[in-house]
Amino acid sequence: MDHENSLPNKHRWLFWLILAVFSTFYAEVFSGSDMFPFFSAWGLLVVVPLYGLHTILLAHLVYRADKPRFPSLVFAGMIFGLYEAYLTKVLWAPPWGDPIIIAEIAPVETLVLVTWWHCWFSFIIPLLVAEKLLTGSTSLGLSLPGKLGDFLNSWAGLAFVMAFGGVFQSINSPSAGQSLLSGISTTAVLVGLTTLWKRVTGGQHYAMKDLLPDGREFKWFLIPTGVMYLAMGILIRPEAAPGPIGHLVIWALYGITFLLFFRSQKSAAPQTGDRELEIWSMKRWLLLAGIFPLAAVSAEVFLQGLIEPLALVFWLGGIVFGLVMFIKALQLSR
């Protein structure tokens, strides 16, 4: 892939930055794990690079095929979620409550984080939004199957996602004021970067594949990723590291998921059907961005007595959704 003759490097670098910010927003801000990742040294130096590196590297692998495939997106998203083993140790020893542990692994947290949360909110949805806002591509949106694809490709569908994110954040938010400040400040960063993108590129509609790293750049991205895994693996909660069985289970999950991913790359190209997709205007993006803080504050005010039941419903629903999508990906990768 020769980028020198297709688009300026500064456009691609800005695109990589925005991908990192989108992934961080949908994963960390939605969950309430870090409500202000763009305004702290930890967020800017660790959290955003963590999400950016994973998103960019895995997106490169997905787009090595002629078109992105739904199974590839799901399996790549699951690979993304497995970082919660070596980097945070959450899959081995969740730092909350009294988790169930089987074979030195927390199965509930593994299902939630690997098959649902990181697969969709750290990877697939940020890429989908980036495709609609920043590129002239529609191939990722067209790869999403059936009614799910129709839903997520609609403005109403992603408005629902933003509203869900606001309600989900309220589970971990300390107050309505914090939710309001988080919602306004973080979406302002997203809107600001999108506006900057439109101005810098002059509205040019590049293909997603051309904006991602080529093979040589992919290898360079592996270096900071490896350093991050080494440093965080040693420094972050070393006391939570498991025995041999826990490591073997995670290695097995990595091996199976990578095997499924590379097999899915050889499956049939996605059927696009009759679905027609549009590139979003800034007005639609502004309206979409405004839903998140409104939903977060509303949930803080009106749903305070339902926090624990909501958390249970969301976790169980997420597990079911993640497993159904995993099975769907298996079926489509045959």
C-alpha atoms as a PDB file:
ATOM      1  CA  MET A   1       0.000   0.000   0.000  1.00  0.00           C
ATOM      2  CA  ASP A   2       1.674   3.224  -1.115  1.00  0.00           C
ATOM      3  CA  HIS A   3       0.413   6.066   1.062  1.00  0.00           C
ATOM      4  CA  GLU A   4       2.886   8.581  -0.304  1.00  0.00           C
ATOM      5  CA  ASN A   5       0.922   8.963  -3.514  1.00  0.00           C
ATOM      6  CA  SER A   6      -2.542   8.767  -1.957  1.00  0.00           C
ATOM      7  CA  LEU A   7      -2.848  11.030   1.078  1.00  0.00           C
ATOM      8  CA  PRO A   8      -0.676  13.139   3.387  1.00  0.00           C
ATOM      9  CA  ASN A   9       0.822  11.407   6.406  1.00  0.00           C
ATOM     10  CA  LYS A  10      -0.471  14.130   8.703  1.00  0.00           C
ATOM     11  CA  HIS A  11      -4.019  13.136   7.755  1.00  0.00           C
ATOM     12  CA  ARG A  12      -3.347   9.528   8.623  1.00  0.00           C
ATOM     13  CA  TRP A  13      -1.673  10.442  11.928  1.00  0.00           C
ATOM     14  CA  LEU A  14      -4.646  12.577  12.885  1.00  0.00           C
ATOM     15  CA  PHE A  15      -6.957   9.706  11.963  1.00  0.00           C
ATOM     16  CA  TRP A  16      -5.010   7.337  14.235  1.00  0.00           C
ATOM     17  CA  LEU A  17      -5.307   9.825  17.081  1.00  0.00           C
ATOM     18  CA  ILE A  18      -9.060  10.167  16.595  1.00  0.00           C
ATOM     19  CA  LEU A  19      -9.470   6.378  16.498  1.00  0.00           C
ATOM     20  CA  ALA A  20      -7.636   6.177  19.832  1.00  0.00           C
ATOM     21  CA  VAL A  21      -9.888   8.843  21.329  1.00  0.00           C
ATOM     22  CA  PHE A  22     -13.077   7.232  20.003  1.00  0.00           C
ATOM     23  CA  SER A  23     -12.095   3.831  21.413  1.00  0.00           C
ATOM     24  CA  THR A  24     -11.205   5.349  24.789  1.00  0.00           C
ATOM     25  CA  PHE A  25     -14.482   7.254  24.929  1.00  0.00           C
ATOM     26  CA  TYR A  26     -16.767   4.339  24.143  1.00  0.00           C
ATOM     27  CA  ALA A  27     -14.898   1.943  26.441  1.00  0.00           C
ATOM     28  CA  GLU A  28     -13.689   3.983  29.414  1.00  0.00           C
ATOM     29  CA  VAL A  29     -16.078   6.947  29.587  1.00  0.00           C
ATOM     30  CA  PHE A  30     -19.159   4.828  28.887  1.00  0.00           C
ATOM     31  CA  SER A  31     -18.202   2.373  31.626  1.00  0.00           C
ATOM     32  CA  GLY A  32     -17.304   5.089  34.125  1.00  0.00           C
ATOM     33  CA  SER A  33     -13.928   3.426  34.682  1.00  0.00           C
ATOM     34  CA  ASP A  34     -12.233   6.700  33.718  1.00  0.00           C
ATOM     35  CA  MET A  35     -14.670   9.572  33.314  1.00  0.00           C
ATOM     36  CA  PHE A  36     -11.997  12.111  32.310  1.00  0.00           C
ATOM     37  CA  PRO A  37      -9.324  10.197  30.347  1.00  0.00           C
ATOM     38  CA  PHE A  38      -8.484  13.168  28.118  1.00  0.00           C
ATOM     39  CA  PHE A  39      -7.694  15.463  31.049  1.00  0.00           C
ATOM     40  CA  SER A  40      -5.146  13.552  33.125  1.00  0.00           C
ATOM     41  CA  ALA A  41      -1.574  12.416  32.659  1.00  0.00           C
ATOM     42  CA  TRP A  42      -2.576   8.774  33.231  1.00  0.00           C
ATOM     43  CA  GLY A  43      -5.314   9.025  30.634  1.00  0.00           C
ATOM     44  CA  LEU A  44      -3.172  10.707  27.990  1.00  0.00           C
ATOM     45  CA  LEU A  45       0.000   8.683  28.548  1.00  0.00           C
ATOM     46  CA  VAL A  46      -1.472   5.250  29.290  1.00  0.00           C
ATOM     47  CA  VAL A  47      -5.210   4.877  28.661  1.00  0.00           C
ATOM     48  CA  VAL A  48      -5.496   6.561  25.252  1.00  0.00           C
ATOM     49  CA  PRO A  49      -2.342   4.869  23.867  1.00  0.00           C
ATOM     50  CA  LEU A  50      -3.559   1.498  25.183  1.00  0.00           C
ATOM     51  CA  TYR A  51      -6.845   1.773  23.322  1.00  0.00           C
ATOM     52  CA  GLY A  52      -5.293   3.421  20.290  1.00  0.00           C
ATOM     53  CA  LEU A  53      -2.600   0.812  19.774  1.00  0.00           C
ATOM     54  CA  HIS A  54      -5.034  -2.083  20.070  1.00  0.00           C
ATOM     55  CA  THR A  55      -7.597  -0.480  17.767  1.00  0.00           C
ATOM     56  CA  ILE A  56      -5.092   0.488  15.077  1.00  0.00           C
ATOM     57  CA  LEU A  57      -3.216  -2.827  15.074  1.00  0.00           C
ATOM     58  CA  LEU A  58      -6.351  -4.974  15.010  1.00  0.00           C
ATOM     59  CA  ALA A  59      -8.060  -2.770  12.422  1.00  0.00           C
ATOM     60  CA  HIS A  60      -5.014  -3.199  10.184  1.00  0.00           C
ATOM     61  CA  LEU A  61      -5.403  -6.976  10.452  1.00  0.00           C
ATOM     62  CA  VAL A  62      -9.136  -6.813   9.728  1.00  0.00           C
ATOM     63  CA  TYR A  63      -8.575  -4.663   6.642  1.00  0.00           C
ATOM     64  CA  ARG A  64      -5.908  -6.931   5.179  1.00  0.00           C
ATOM     65  CA  ALA A  65      -8.840  -8.713   3.537  1.00  0.00           C
ATOM     66  CA  ASP A  66     -10.458  -7.121   0.503  1.00  0.00           C
ATOM     67  CA  LYS A  67     -13.414  -6.150   2.718  1.00  0.00           C
ATOM     68  CA  PRO A  68     -13.895  -6.327   6.488  1.00  0.00           C
ATOM     69  CA  ARG A  69     -15.825  -9.388   7.563  1.00  0.00           C
ATOM     70  CA  PHE A  70     -18.194  -9.497  10.518  1.00  0.00           C
ATOM     71  CA  PRO A  71     -16.533 -12.594  12.032  1.00  0.00           C
ATOM     72  CA  SER A  72     -13.125 -10.918  11.750  1.00  0.00           C
ATOM     73  CA  LEU A  73     -14.430  -7.858  13.584  1.00  0.00           C
ATOM     74  CA  VAL A  74     -15.863  -9.989  16.391  1.00  0.00           C
ATOM     75  CA  PHE A  75     -12.773 -12.158  16.829  1.00  0.00           C
ATOM     76  CA  ALA A  76     -10.442  -9.144  16.638  1.00  0.00           C
ATOM     77  CA  GLY A  77     -12.573  -7.405  19.266  1.00  0.00           C
ATOM     78  CA  MET A  78     -12.259 -10.445  21.503  1.00  0.00           C
ATOM     79  CA  ILE A  79      -8.477 -10.390  21.094  1.00  0.00           C
ATOM     80  CA  PHE A  80      -8.675  -6.735  22.158  1.00  0.00           C
ATOM     81  CA  GLY A  81     -10.574  -7.697  25.322  1.00  0.00           C
ATOM     82  CA  LEU A  82      -7.977 -10.256  26.375  1.00  0.00           C
ATOM     83  CA  TYR A  83      -5.652  -7.388  27.335  1.00  0.00           C
ATOM     84  CA  GLU A  84      -7.580  -7.415  30.617  1.00  0.00           C
ATOM     85  CA  ALA A  85      -5.475 -10.423  31.592  1.00  0.00           C
ATOM     86  CA  TYR A  86      -1.844  -9.345  31.379  1.00  0.00           C
ATOM     87  CA  LEU A  87      -2.297  -5.578  31.554  1.00  0.00           C
ATOM     88  CA  THR A  88      -4.891  -5.190  34.297  1.00  0.00           C
ATOM     89  CA  LYS A  89      -5.161  -8.764  35.724  1.00  0.00           C
ATOM     90  CA  VAL A  90      -8.953  -8.311  35.832  1.00  0.00           C
ATOM     91  CA  LEU A  91      -9.626 -11.623  34.067  1.00  0.00           C
ATOM     92  CA  TRP A  92      -7.664 -13.364  36.824  1.00  0.00           C
ATOM     93  CA  ALA A  93      -8.578 -11.294  39.876  1.00  0.00           C
ATOM     94  CA  PRO A  94     -11.322  -8.669  39.472  1.00  0.00           C
ATOM     95  CA  PRO A  95     -10.727  -5.872  42.005  1.00  0.00           C
ATOM     96  CA  TRP A  96     -14.392  -5.686  43.040  1.00  0.00           C
ATOM     97  CA  GLY A  97     -16.872  -7.718  45.047  1.00  0.00           C
ATOM     98  CA  ASP A  98     -16.413 -11.461  45.550  1.00  0.00           C
ATOM     99  CA  PRO A  99     -15.994 -12.827  42.016  1.00  0.00           C
ATOM    100  CA  ILE A 100     -16.426 -16.431  40.944  1.00  0.00           C
ATOM    101  CA  ILE A 101     -13.044 -17.983  40.085  1.00  0.00           C
ATOM    102  CA  ILE A 102     -12.749 -21.191  38.058  1.00  0.00           C
ATOM    103  CA  ALA A 103      -9.366 -22.533  36.920  1.00  0.00           C
ATOM    104  CA  GLU A 104      -7.818 -19.254  38.138  1.00  0.00           C
ATOM    105  CA  ILE A 105     -10.057 -17.279  35.753  1.00  0.00           C
ATOM    106  CA  ALA A 106     -13.085 -15.075  36.501  1.00  0.00           C
ATOM    107  CA  PRO A 107     -15.579 -16.484  33.940  1.00  0.00           C
ATOM    108  CA  VAL A 108     -18.268 -13.813  34.357  1.00  0.00           C
ATOM    109  CA  GLU A 109     -15.848 -10.922  33.905  1.00  0.00           C
ATOM    110  CA  THR A 110     -14.173 -12.731  31.005  1.00  0.00           C
ATOM    111  CA  LEU A 111     -17.480 -13.145  29.177  1.00  0.00           C
ATOM    112  CA  VAL A 112     -18.516  -9.533  29.845  1.00  0.00           C
ATOM    113  CA  LEU A 113     -15.211  -7.914  28.911  1.00  0.00           C
ATOM    114  CA  VAL A 114     -14.020 -10.165  26.083  1.00  0.00           C
ATOM    115  CA  THR A 115     -17.161 -11.130  24.166  1.00  0.00           C
ATOM    116  CA  TRP A 116     -19.154  -7.958  24.800  1.00  0.00           C
ATOM    117  CA  TRP A 117     -17.629  -4.800  26.199  1.00  0.00           C
ATOM    118  CA  HIS A 118     -14.237  -4.542  24.525  1.00  0.00           C
ATOM    119  CA  CYS A 119     -15.333  -6.387  21.410  1.00  0.00           C
ATOM    120  CA  TRP A 120     -18.104  -3.880  20.745  1.00  0.00           C
ATOM    121  CA  PHE A 121     -17.424  -0.672  22.675  1.00  0.00           C
ATOM    122  CA  SER A 122     -13.643  -0.619  22.393  1.00  0.00           C
ATOM    123  CA  PHE A 123     -13.417  -1.853  18.818  1.00  0.00           C
ATOM    124  CA  ILE A 124     -16.415  -2.342  16.523  1.00  0.00           C
ATOM    125  CA  ILE A 125     -18.517   0.702  17.458  1.00  0.00           C
ATOM    126  CA  PRO A 126     -15.577   3.186  17.453  1.00  0.00           C
ATOM    127  CA  LEU A 127     -14.544   1.897  14.023  1.00  0.00           C
ATOM    128  CA  LEU A 128     -18.120   2.154  12.758  1.00  0.00           C
ATOM    129  CA  VAL A 129     -18.482   5.750  13.976  1.00  0.00           C
ATOM    130  CA  ALA A 130     -15.081   6.655  12.523  1.00  0.00           C
ATOM    131  CA  GLU A 131     -16.091   5.159   9.179  1.00  0.00           C
ATOM    132  CA  LYS A 132     -19.297   7.199   9.095  1.00  0.00           C
ATOM    133  CA  LEU A 133     -17.760  10.470  10.268  1.00  0.00           C
ATOM    134  CA  LEU A 134     -14.265  10.524   8.870  1.00  0.00           C
ATOM    135  CA  THR A 135     -14.102   8.376   5.734  1.00  0.00           C
ATOM    136  CA  GLY A 136     -15.800   7.713   2.445  1.00  0.00           C
ATOM    137  CA  SER A 137     -15.991   3.979   3.183  1.00  0.00           C
ATOM    138  CA  THR A 138     -19.097   1.952   3.943  1.00  0.00           C
ATOM    139  CA  SER A 139     -17.637  -1.567   3.948  1.00  0.00           C
ATOM    140  CA  LEU A 140     -17.538  -2.000   7.722  1.00  0.00           C
ATOM    141  CA  GLY A 141     -21.127  -0.867   8.123  1.00  0.00           C
ATOM    142  CA  LEU A 142     -22.196  -3.160   5.310  1.00  0.00           C
ATOM    143  CA  SER A 143     -20.477  -6.138   6.946  1.00  0.00           C
ATOM    144  CA  LEU A 144     -22.744  -5.998  10.007  1.00  0.00           C
ATOM    145  CA  PRO A 145     -25.422  -8.639   9.511  1.00  0.00           C
ATOM    146  CA  GLY A 146     -29.203  -8.411   9.277  1.00  0.00           C
ATOM    147  CA  LYS A 147     -31.278  -6.317  11.646  1.00  0.00           C
ATOM    148  CA  LEU A 148     -28.266  -5.600  13.841  1.00  0.00           C
ATOM    149  CA  GLY A 149     -26.564  -3.967  10.867  1.00  0.00           C
ATOM    150  CA  ASP A 150     -29.681  -1.992   9.972  1.00  0.00           C
ATOM    151  CA  PHE A 151     -29.947  -0.802  13.573  1.00  0.00           C
ATOM    152  CA  LEU A 152     -26.322   0.197  14.155  1.00  0.00           C
ATOM    153  CA  ASN A 153     -26.057   1.872  10.759  1.00  0.00           C
ATOM    154  CA  SER A 154     -29.001   4.130  11.522  1.00  0.00           C
ATOM    155  CA  TRP A 155     -28.741   7.398  13.396  1.00  0.00           C
ATOM    156  CA  ALA A 156     -31.439   6.188  15.784  1.00  0.00           C
ATOM    157  CA  GLY A 157     -29.456   3.040  16.502  1.00  0.00           C
ATOM    158  CA  LEU A 158     -26.318   4.894  17.472  1.00  0.00           C
ATOM    159  CA  ALA A 159     -28.414   7.428  19.378  1.00  0.00           C
ATOM    160  CA  PHE A 160     -29.603   4.455  21.427  1.00  0.00           C
ATOM    161  CA  VAL A 161     -25.953   3.422  21.942  1.00  0.00           C
ATOM    162  CA  MET A 162     -25.109   6.912  23.235  1.00  0.00           C
ATOM    163  CA  ALA A 163     -28.115   6.881  25.557  1.00  0.00           C
ATOM    164  CA  PHE A 164     -27.160   3.438  26.813  1.00  0.00           C
ATOM    165  CA  GLY A 165     -23.636   4.700  27.477  1.00  0.00           C
ATOM    166  CA  GLY A 166     -24.969   7.542  29.584  1.00  0.00           C
ATOM    167  CA  VAL A 167     -27.138   5.210  31.656  1.00  0.00           C
ATOM    168  CA  PHE A 168     -24.296   2.696  32.013  1.00  0.00           C
ATOM    169  CA  GLN A 169     -21.881   5.383  33.187  1.00  0.00           C
ATOM    170  CA  SER A 170     -24.314   6.386  35.941  1.00  0.00           C
ATOM    171  CA  ILE A 171     -23.707   3.012  37.610  1.00  0.00           C
ATOM    172  CA  ASN A 172     -20.121   4.030  38.443  1.00  0.00           C
ATOM    173  CA  SER A 173     -20.471   7.814  38.515  1.00  0.00           C
ATOM    174  CA  PRO A 174     -20.217   9.451  41.960  1.00  0.00           C
ATOM    175  CA  SER A 175     -22.720  12.218  41.202  1.00  0.00           C
ATOM    176  CA  ALA A 176     -24.905  13.897  38.607  1.00  0.00           C
ATOM    177  CA  GLY A 177     -22.481  16.833  38.527  1.00  0.00           C
ATOM    178  CA  GLN A 178     -19.588  14.536  37.665  1.00  0.00           C
ATOM    179  CA  SER A 179     -21.656  12.877  34.946  1.00  0.00           C
ATOM    180  CA  LEU A 180     -22.564  16.245  33.447  1.00  0.00           C
ATOM    181  CA  LEU A 181     -18.963  17.465  33.496  1.00  0.00           C
ATOM    182  CA  SER A 182     -17.669  14.184  32.085  1.00  0.00           C
ATOM    183  CA  GLY A 183     -20.311  14.072  29.362  1.00  0.00           C
ATOM    184  CA  ILE A 184     -19.811  17.646  28.200  1.00  0.00           C
ATOM    185  CA  SER A 185     -15.998  17.652  28.367  1.00  0.00           C
ATOM    186  CA  THR A 186     -15.361  14.286  26.712  1.00  0.00           C
ATOM    187  CA  THR A 187     -17.882  14.741  23.906  1.00  0.00           C
ATOM    188  CA  ALA A 188     -16.415  18.220  23.341  1.00  0.00           C
ATOM    189  CA  VAL A 189     -13.058  16.538  22.673  1.00  0.00           C
ATOM    190  CA  LEU A 190     -14.696  14.163  20.187  1.00  0.00           C
ATOM    191  CA  VAL A 191     -16.533  16.958  18.404  1.00  0.00           C
ATOM    192  CA  GLY A 192     -13.435  19.155  18.400  1.00  0.00           C
ATOM    193  CA  LEU A 193     -11.267  16.464  16.827  1.00  0.00           C
ATOM    194  CA  THR A 194     -13.925  15.672  14.236  1.00  0.00           C
ATOM    195  CA  THR A 195     -14.185  19.365  13.348  1.00  0.00           C
ATOM    196  CA  LEU A 196     -10.393  19.545  13.084  1.00  0.00           C
ATOM    197  CA  TRP A 197     -10.443  16.501  10.792  1.00  0.00           C
ATOM    198  CA  LYS A 198     -12.985  18.104   8.465  1.00  0.00           C
ATOM    199  CA  ARG A 199     -10.918  21.279   8.326  1.00  0.00           C
ATOM    200  CA  VAL A 200      -7.519  19.626   7.861  1.00  0.00           C
ATOM    201  CA  THR A 201      -8.713  17.218   5.161  1.00  0.00           C
ATOM    202  CA  GLY A 202     -10.948  19.743   3.437  1.00  0.00           C
ATOM    203  CA  GLY A 203     -13.814  17.266   3.479  1.00  0.00           C
ATOM    204  CA  GLN A 204     -11.856  14.681   1.477  1.00  0.00           C
ATOM    205  CA  HIS A 205     -13.498  11.249   1.749  1.00  0.00           C
ATOM    206  CA  TYR A 206     -10.629   8.781   2.081  1.00  0.00           C
ATOM    207  CA  ALA A 207     -11.044   5.024   2.180  1.00  0.00           C
ATOM    208  CA  MET A 208     -10.690   3.536   5.666  1.00  0.00           C
ATOM    209  CA  LYS A 209      -8.134   1.003   4.442  1.00  0.00           C
ATOM    210  CA  ASP A 210      -5.838   3.757   3.136  1.00  0.00           C
ATOM    211  CA  LEU A 211      -5.941   5.591   6.461  1.00  0.00           C
ATOM    212  CA  LEU A 212      -4.738   2.603   8.460  1.00  0.00           C
ATOM    213  CA  PRO A 213      -1.047   1.625   8.813  1.00  0.00           C
ATOM    214  CA  ASP A 214       0.605  -0.358   6.049  1.00  0.00           C
ATOM    215  CA  GLY A 215       2.633  -3.501   6.731  1.00  0.00           C
ATOM    216  CA  ARG A 216       5.851  -1.668   7.611  1.00  0.00           C
ATOM    217  CA  GLU A 217       4.094   0.750   9.953  1.00  0.00           C
ATOM    218  CA  PHE A 218       2.223  -2.140  11.549  1.00  0.00           C
ATOM    219  CA  LYS A 219       5.559  -3.632  12.626  1.00  0.00           C
ATOM    220  CA  TRP A 220       6.612  -0.318  14.169  1.00  0.00           C
ATOM    221  CA  PHE A 221       3.344  -0.191  16.133  1.00  0.00           C
ATOM    222  CA  LEU A 222       4.201  -3.564  17.648  1.00  0.00           C
ATOM    223  CA  ILE A 223       7.171  -2.028  19.496  1.00  0.00           C
ATOM    224  CA  PRO A 224       5.273   0.386  21.806  1.00  0.00           C
ATOM    225  CA  THR A 225       2.570  -2.254  22.221  1.00  0.00           C
ATOM    226  CA  GLY A 226       5.123  -4.786  23.397  1.00  0.00           C
ATOM    227  CA  VAL A 227       6.694  -2.241  25.758  1.00  0.00           C
ATOM    228  CA  MET A 228       3.261  -1.454  27.203  1.00  0.00           C
ATOM    229  CA  TYR A 229       2.496  -5.129  27.811  1.00  0.00           C
ATOM    230  CA  LEU A 230       5.870  -5.651  29.473  1.00  0.00           C
ATOM    231  CA  ALA A 231       5.677  -2.547  31.675  1.00  0.00           C
ATOM    232  CA  MET A 232       2.035  -2.910  32.731  1.00  0.00           C
ATOM    233  CA  GLY A 233       2.379  -6.658  33.108  1.00  0.00           C
ATOM    234  CA  ILE A 234       5.126  -6.098  35.667  1.00  0.00           C
ATOM    235  CA  LEU A 235       3.931  -2.920  37.382  1.00  0.00           C
ATOM    236  CA  ILE A 236       0.115  -3.136  37.456  1.00  0.00           C
ATOM    237  CA  ARG A 237      -1.240  -5.338  40.268  1.00  0.00           C
ATOM    238  CA  PRO A 238       1.583  -7.904  40.169  1.00  0.00           C
ATOM    239  CA  GLU A 239       0.091  -9.564  43.242  1.00  0.00           C
ATOM    240  CA  ALA A 240      -2.975 -10.530  41.152  1.00  0.00           C
ATOM    241  CA  ALA A 241      -0.985 -12.647  38.686  1.00  0.00           C
ATOM    242  CA  PRO A 242      -2.206 -16.269  38.634  1.00  0.00           C
ATOM    243  CA  GLY A 243      -0.469 -19.590  38.830  1.00  0.00           C
ATOM    244  CA  PRO A 244       0.368 -21.737  35.788  1.00  0.00           C
ATOM    245  CA  ILE A 245      -3.244 -22.762  35.151  1.00  0.00           C
ATOM    246  CA  GLY A 246      -4.431 -19.147  34.816  1.00  0.00           C
ATOM    247  CA  HIS A 247      -1.706 -18.402  32.286  1.00  0.00           C
ATOM    248  CA  LEU A 248      -2.483 -21.559  30.323  1.00  0.00           C
ATOM    249  CA  VAL A 249      -6.173 -20.680  30.118  1.00  0.00           C
ATOM    250  CA  ILE A 250      -5.408 -17.190  28.779  1.00  0.00           C
ATOM    251  CA  TRP A 251      -2.880 -18.572  26.276  1.00  0.00           C
ATOM    252  CA  ALA A 252      -5.500 -21.058  25.118  1.00  0.00           C
ATOM    253  CA  LEU A 253      -8.058 -18.265  24.683  1.00  0.00           C
ATOM    254  CA  TYR A 254      -5.546 -16.208  22.705  1.00  0.00           C
ATOM    255  CA  GLY A 255      -4.650 -19.203  20.530  1.00  0.00           C
ATOM    256  CA  ILE A 256      -8.255 -20.152  19.781  1.00  0.00           C
ATOM    257  CA  THR A 257      -9.320 -16.571  19.075  1.00  0.00           C
ATOM    258  CA  PHE A 258      -6.372 -15.874  16.760  1.00  0.00           C
ATOM    259  CA  LEU A 259      -7.052 -19.142  14.961  1.00  0.00           C
ATOM    260  CA  LEU A 260     -10.698 -18.177  14.486  1.00  0.00           C
ATOM    261  CA  PHE A 261      -9.679 -14.711  13.323  1.00  0.00           C
ATOM    262  CA  PHE A 262      -7.256 -15.874  10.624  1.00  0.00           C
ATOM    263  CA  ARG A 263      -9.720 -18.513   9.490  1.00  0.00           C
ATOM    264  CA  SER A 264     -12.426 -15.858   9.191  1.00  0.00           C
ATOM    265  CA  GLN A 265     -10.195 -13.805   6.896  1.00  0.00           C
ATOM    266  CA  LYS A 266     -10.432 -16.626   4.380  1.00  0.00           C
ATOM    267  CA  SER A 267     -14.227 -16.873   4.543  1.00  0.00           C
ATOM    268  CA  ALA A 268     -16.577 -15.522   1.897  1.00  0.00           C
ATOM    269  CA  ALA A 269     -16.738 -11.753   1.443  1.00  0.00           C
ATOM    270  CA  PRO A 270     -19.659 -10.099   3.260  1.00  0.00           C
ATOM    271  CA  GLN A 271     -22.963  -9.795   1.462  1.00  0.00           C
ATOM    272  CA  THR A 272     -23.928  -6.127   1.240  1.00  0.00           C
ATOM    273  CA  GLY A 273     -27.561  -6.643   0.235  1.00  0.00           C
ATOM    274  CA  ASP A 274     -29.666  -3.582  -0.487  1.00  0.00           C
ATOM    275  CA  ARG A 275     -28.641  -1.535   2.540  1.00  0.00           C
ATOM    276  CA  GLU A 276     -27.723   2.032   1.637  1.00  0.00           C
ATOM    277  CA  LEU A 277     -25.450   3.961   3.957  1.00  0.00           C
ATOM    278  CA  GLU A 278     -24.802   7.668   4.242  1.00  0.00           C
ATOM    279  CA  ILE A 279     -21.880   9.769   5.414  1.00  0.00           C
ATOM    280  CA  TRP A 280     -22.896  11.797   8.442  1.00  0.00           C
ATOM    281  CA  SER A 281     -22.997  15.562   8.570  1.00  0.00           C
ATOM    282  CA  MET A 282     -21.541  17.465  11.525  1.00  0.00           C
ATOM    283  CA  LYS A 283     -25.059  18.472  12.554  1.00  0.00           C
ATOM    284  CA  ARG A 284     -26.061  14.834  13.012  1.00  0.00           C
ATOM    285  CA  TRP A 285     -22.844  14.168  14.945  1.00  0.00           C
ATOM    286  CA  LEU A 286     -23.471  17.120  17.261  1.00  0.00           C
ATOM    287  CA  LEU A 287     -26.971  15.867  18.002  1.00  0.00           C
ATOM    288  CA  LEU A 288     -25.629  12.384  18.630  1.00  0.00           C
ATOM    289  CA  ALA A 289     -22.864  13.627  20.932  1.00  0.00           C
ATOM    290  CA  GLY A 290     -25.357  15.648  22.964  1.00  0.00           C
ATOM    291  CA  ILE A 291     -27.376  12.557  23.879  1.00  0.00           C
ATOM    292  CA  PHE A 292     -24.648  11.069  26.079  1.00  0.00           C
ATOM    293  CA  PRO A 293     -24.394  13.765  28.795  1.00  0.00           C
ATOM    294  CA  LEU A 294     -28.171  14.178  28.802  1.00  0.00           C
ATOM    295  CA  ALA A 295     -28.691  10.448  29.354  1.00  0.00           C
ATOM    296  CA  ALA A 296     -25.962  10.250  32.000  1.00  0.00           C
ATOM    297  CA  VAL A 297     -27.394  13.084  34.089  1.00  0.00           C
ATOM    298  CA  SER A 298     -30.979  11.869  33.671  1.00  0.00           C
ATOM    299  CA  ALA A 299     -29.991   8.403  34.879  1.00  0.00           C
ATOM    300  CA  GLU A 300     -28.187   9.879  37.882  1.00  0.00           C
ATOM    301  CA  VAL A 301     -31.254  11.873  38.845  1.00  0.00           C
ATOM    302  CA  PHE A 302     -34.092   9.451  38.094  1.00  0.00           C
ATOM    303  CA  LEU A 303     -32.608   5.948  38.368  1.00  0.00           C
ATOM    304  CA  GLN A 304     -30.572   6.106  41.577  1.00  0.00           C
ATOM    305  CA  GLY A 305     -32.661   3.439  43.301  1.00  0.00           C
ATOM    306  CA  LEU A 306     -32.150   1.049  40.396  1.00  0.00           C
ATOM    307  CA  ILE A 307     -28.364   1.064  40.123  1.00  0.00           C
ATOM    308  CA  GLU A 308     -27.748  -2.496  41.311  1.00  0.00           C
ATOM    309  CA  PRO A 309     -30.605  -4.072  39.306  1.00  0.00           C
ATOM    310  CA  LEU A 310     -29.488  -2.115  36.230  1.00  0.00           C
ATOM    311  CA  ALA A 311     -25.916  -3.332  36.603  1.00  0.00           C
ATOM    312  CA  LEU A 312     -27.125  -6.925  36.841  1.00  0.00           C
ATOM    313  CA  VAL A 313     -29.405  -6.564  33.803  1.00  0.00           C
ATOM    314  CA  PHE A 314     -26.664  -4.910  31.746  1.00  0.00           C
ATOM    315  CA  TRP A 315     -24.052  -7.532  32.630  1.00  0.00           C
ATOM    316  CA  LEU A 316     -26.374 -10.463  31.949  1.00  0.00           C
ATOM    317  CA  GLY A 317     -27.683  -8.841  28.785  1.00  0.00           C
ATOM    318  CA  GLY A 318     -24.127  -8.136  27.665  1.00  0.00           C
ATOM    319  CA  ILE A 319     -23.099 -11.751  28.181  1.00  0.00           C
ATOM    320  CA  VAL A 320     -26.093 -13.001  26.172  1.00  0.00           C
ATOM    321  CA  PHE A 321     -25.471 -10.469  23.384  1.00  0.00           C
ATOM    322  CA  GLY A 322     -21.765 -11.265  23.259  1.00  0.00           C
ATOM    323  CA  LEU A 323     -22.335 -15.008  23.076  1.00  0.00           C
ATOM    324  CA  VAL A 324     -25.046 -14.669  20.405  1.00  0.00           C
ATOM    325  CA  MET A 325     -22.743 -12.499  18.277  1.00  0.00           C
ATOM    326  CA  PHE A 326     -19.883 -14.950  18.831  1.00  0.00           C
ATOM    327  CA  ILE A 327     -22.053 -17.829  17.603  1.00  0.00           C
ATOM    328  CA  LYS A 328     -23.176 -15.704  14.639  1.00  0.00           C
ATOM    329  CA  ALA A 329     -19.533 -14.991  13.807  1.00  0.00           C
ATOM    330  CA  LEU A 330     -18.738 -18.707  13.954  1.00  0.00           C
ATOM    331  CA  GLN A 331     -21.578 -19.480  11.578  1.00  0.00           C
ATOM    332  CA  LEU A 332     -20.540 -16.803   9.087  1.00  0.00           C
ATOM    333  CA  SER A 333     -16.874 -17.825   9.115  1.00  0.00           C
ATOM    334  CA  ARG A 334     -17.529 -21.353   7.855  1.00  0.00           C
END
